[in-house]
C-alpha atoms as a PDB file:
ATOM      1  CA  UNK A   1      57.558  78.668  79.676  1.00  0.00           C
ATOM      2  CA  UNK A   2      55.547  77.232  76.824  1.00  0.00           C
ATOM      3  CA  UNK A   3      57.138  75.630  73.801  1.00  0.00           C
ATOM      4  CA  UNK A   4      55.647  76.687  70.482  1.00  0.00           C
ATOM      5  CA  UNK A   5      54.947  73.978  67.923  1.00  0.00           C
ATOM      6  CA  UNK A   6      57.948  73.734  65.639  1.00  0.00           C
ATOM      7  CA  UNK A   7      57.367  73.440  61.911  1.00  0.00           C
ATOM      8  CA  UNK A   8      60.155  70.956  61.047  1.00  0.00           C
ATOM      9  CA  UNK A   9      58.988  68.116  63.355  1.00  0.00           C
ATOM     10  CA  UNK A  10      55.401  68.521  62.108  1.00  0.00           C
ATOM     11  CA  UNK A  11      56.559  68.301  58.483  1.00  0.00           C
ATOM     12  CA  UNK A  12      58.675  65.221  59.249  1.00  0.00           C
ATOM     13  CA  UNK A  13      55.664  63.548  60.883  1.00  0.00           C
ATOM     14  CA  UNK A  14      53.402  64.384  57.913  1.00  0.00           C
ATOM     15  CA  UNK A  15      55.995  63.082  55.437  1.00  0.00           C
ATOM     16  CA  UNK A  16      56.311  59.820  57.401  1.00  0.00           C
ATOM     17  CA  UNK A  17      52.524  59.362  57.446  1.00  0.00           C
ATOM     18  CA  UNK A  18      52.286  60.077  53.700  1.00  0.00           C
ATOM     19  CA  UNK A  19      55.067  57.586  52.996  1.00  0.00           C
ATOM     20  CA  UNK A  20      53.243  54.964  55.055  1.00  0.00           C
ATOM     21  CA  UNK A  21      50.031  55.492  53.116  1.00  0.00           C
ATOM     22  CA  UNK A  22      51.859  55.285  49.776  1.00  0.00           C
ATOM     23  CA  UNK A  23      53.685  52.090  50.763  1.00  0.00           C
ATOM     24  CA  UNK A  24      50.392  50.457  51.773  1.00  0.00           C
ATOM     25  CA  UNK A  25      48.815  51.383  48.417  1.00  0.00           C
ATOM     26  CA  UNK A  26      51.789  50.002  46.480  1.00  0.00           C
ATOM     27  CA  UNK A  27      51.696  46.806  48.557  1.00  0.00           C
ATOM     28  CA  UNK A  28      47.985  46.317  47.823  1.00  0.00           C
ATOM     29  CA  UNK A  29      48.571  46.945  44.106  1.00  0.00           C
ATOM     30  CA  UNK A  30      51.378  44.387  43.962  1.00  0.00           C
ATOM     31  CA  UNK A  31      49.201  41.911  45.843  1.00  0.00           C
ATOM     32  CA  UNK A  32      46.406  42.325  43.283  1.00  0.00           C
ATOM     33  CA  UNK A  33      48.835  41.792  40.400  1.00  0.00           C
ATOM     34  CA  UNK A  34      50.295  38.671  41.977  1.00  0.00           C
ATOM     35  CA  UNK A  35      46.864  37.173  42.650  1.00  0.00           C
ATOM     36  CA  UNK A  36      45.733  37.971  39.134  1.00  0.00           C
ATOM     37  CA  UNK A  37      42.357  38.993  37.912  1.00  0.00           C
ATOM     38  CA  UNK A  38      39.709  36.312  38.003  1.00  0.00           C
ATOM     39  CA  UNK A  39      36.649  36.324  35.807  1.00  0.00           C
ATOM     40  CA  UNK A  40      33.483  34.659  36.967  1.00  0.00           C
ATOM     41  CA  UNK A  41      31.901  32.202  34.578  1.00  0.00           C
ATOM     42  CA  UNK A  42      28.246  32.510  33.695  1.00  0.00           C
ATOM     43  CA  UNK A  43      25.879  29.689  32.805  1.00  0.00           C
ATOM     44  CA  UNK A  44      23.135  30.388  30.272  1.00  0.00           C
ATOM     45  CA  UNK A  45      19.590  29.776  31.380  1.00  0.00           C
ATOM     46  CA  UNK A  46      17.763  26.972  29.668  1.00  0.00           C
ATOM     47  CA  UNK A  47      14.653  27.908  27.747  1.00  0.00           C
ATOM     48  CA  UNK A  48      11.417  26.406  29.020  1.00  0.00           C
ATOM     49  CA  UNK A  49       9.859  23.816  26.728  1.00  0.00           C
ATOM     50  CA  UNK A  50       7.207  25.347  24.469  1.00  0.00           C
ATOM     51  CA  UNK A  51       4.194  23.456  23.210  1.00  0.00           C
ATOM     52  CA  UNK A  52       4.446  22.177  19.631  1.00  0.00           C
ATOM     53  CA  UNK A  53       1.617  24.493  18.499  1.00  0.00           C
ATOM     54  CA  UNK A  54       3.577  27.586  19.531  1.00  0.00           C
ATOM     55  CA  UNK A  55       6.767  26.337  17.889  1.00  0.00           C
ATOM     56  CA  UNK A  56       4.999  25.797  14.560  1.00  0.00           C
ATOM     57  CA  UNK A  57       3.150  29.125  14.759  1.00  0.00           C
ATOM     58  CA  UNK A  58       6.382  31.132  14.707  1.00  0.00           C
ATOM     59  CA  UNK A  59       7.388  32.160  11.187  1.00  0.00           C
ATOM     60  CA  UNK A  60      10.734  30.841  10.033  1.00  0.00           C
ATOM     61  CA  UNK A  61      13.298  33.492   9.045  1.00  0.00           C
ATOM     62  CA  UNK A  62      13.705  33.919   5.308  1.00  0.00           C
ATOM     63  CA  UNK A  63      16.850  32.293   3.982  1.00  0.00           C
ATOM     64  CA  UNK A  64      18.906  34.308   1.490  1.00  0.00           C
ATOM     65  CA  UNK A  65      19.187  32.924  -2.018  1.00  0.00           C
ATOM     66  CA  UNK A  66      22.498  31.811  -3.495  1.00  0.00           C
ATOM     67  CA  UNK A  67      22.788  35.072  -5.471  1.00  0.00           C
ATOM     68  CA  UNK A  68      22.306  37.144  -2.325  1.00  0.00           C
ATOM     69  CA  UNK A  69      24.963  35.176  -0.495  1.00  0.00           C
ATOM     70  CA  UNK A  70      27.623  35.518  -3.193  1.00  0.00           C
ATOM     71  CA  UNK A  71      27.130  39.186  -4.047  1.00  0.00           C
ATOM     72  CA  UNK A  72      26.768  41.252  -0.876  1.00  0.00           C
ATOM     73  CA  UNK A  73      26.055  44.932  -1.243  1.00  0.00           C
ATOM     74  CA  UNK A  74      29.142  46.895  -0.155  1.00  0.00           C
ATOM     75  CA  UNK A  75      28.463  49.225   2.719  1.00  0.00           C
ATOM     76  CA  UNK A  76      29.423  52.878   2.266  1.00  0.00           C
ATOM     77  CA  UNK A  77      32.681  53.903   3.906  1.00  0.00           C
ATOM     78  CA  UNK A  78      32.954  56.993   6.000  1.00  0.00           C
ATOM     79  CA  UNK A  79      35.792  59.448   5.433  1.00  0.00           C
ATOM     80  CA  UNK A  80      37.416  58.808   8.820  1.00  0.00           C
ATOM     81  CA  UNK A  81      37.339  54.991   8.521  1.00  0.00           C
ATOM     82  CA  UNK A  82      40.821  53.532   7.890  1.00  0.00           C
ATOM     83  CA  UNK A  83      41.359  51.940   4.502  1.00  0.00           C
ATOM     84  CA  UNK A  84      42.543  48.376   4.000  1.00  0.00           C
ATOM     85  CA  UNK A  85      46.080  48.468   2.517  1.00  0.00           C
ATOM     86  CA  UNK A  86      45.486  45.166   0.722  1.00  0.00           C
ATOM     87  CA  UNK A  87      42.783  46.808  -1.394  1.00  0.00           C
ATOM     88  CA  UNK A  88      45.084  49.587  -2.758  1.00  0.00           C
ATOM     89  CA  UNK A  89      45.937  49.541  -6.453  1.00  0.00           C
ATOM     90  CA  UNK A  90      49.557  49.294  -7.621  1.00  0.00           C
ATOM     91  CA  UNK A  91      49.663  52.994  -8.515  1.00  0.00           C
ATOM     92  CA  UNK A  92      48.404  53.965  -5.048  1.00  0.00           C
ATOM     93  CA  UNK A  93      51.048  51.771  -3.409  1.00  0.00           C
ATOM     94  CA  UNK A  94      53.799  53.354  -5.521  1.00  0.00           C
ATOM     95  CA  UNK A  95      52.537  56.834  -4.671  1.00  0.00           C
ATOM     96  CA  UNK A  96      52.525  56.053  -0.951  1.00  0.00           C
ATOM     97  CA  UNK A  97      56.050  54.614  -1.153  1.00  0.00           C
ATOM     98  CA  UNK A  98      57.308  57.757  -2.883  1.00  0.00           C
ATOM     99  CA  UNK A  99      55.676  59.974  -0.253  1.00  0.00           C
ATOM    100  CA  UNK A 100      57.167  58.063   2.699  1.00  0.00           C
END
C-alpha cells in the first residue's frame, strides 16, 4: 500500500524553509546596521613637476573686475523652481497668509 504525498506536511515544510530564509536575511541586515557603513578615503594624486617654460606659457585666467564681482547678472528662473520666501514682498506674504 503506497502512501500519497499529503499536502499539509509539504506546506508546513515550505513555510519552515521560508521562515528560515527570512530570519537569515533579517540577521544579515541587522549585522550590517550594527557594523555601520564605512567609506574608503581617497588620496589625490600629486601632479608631476612641469618645466618653468611650460608653466609660463599657459595663459592666466582673466580676473573679473570689481564691477563684475559686485553686480552679478541674475540667472533666469524656471517656472517649476521653488521661490525663496525671504524674497517675497509684504503684499505677497499677506496674500499667502490669507490663503492658508
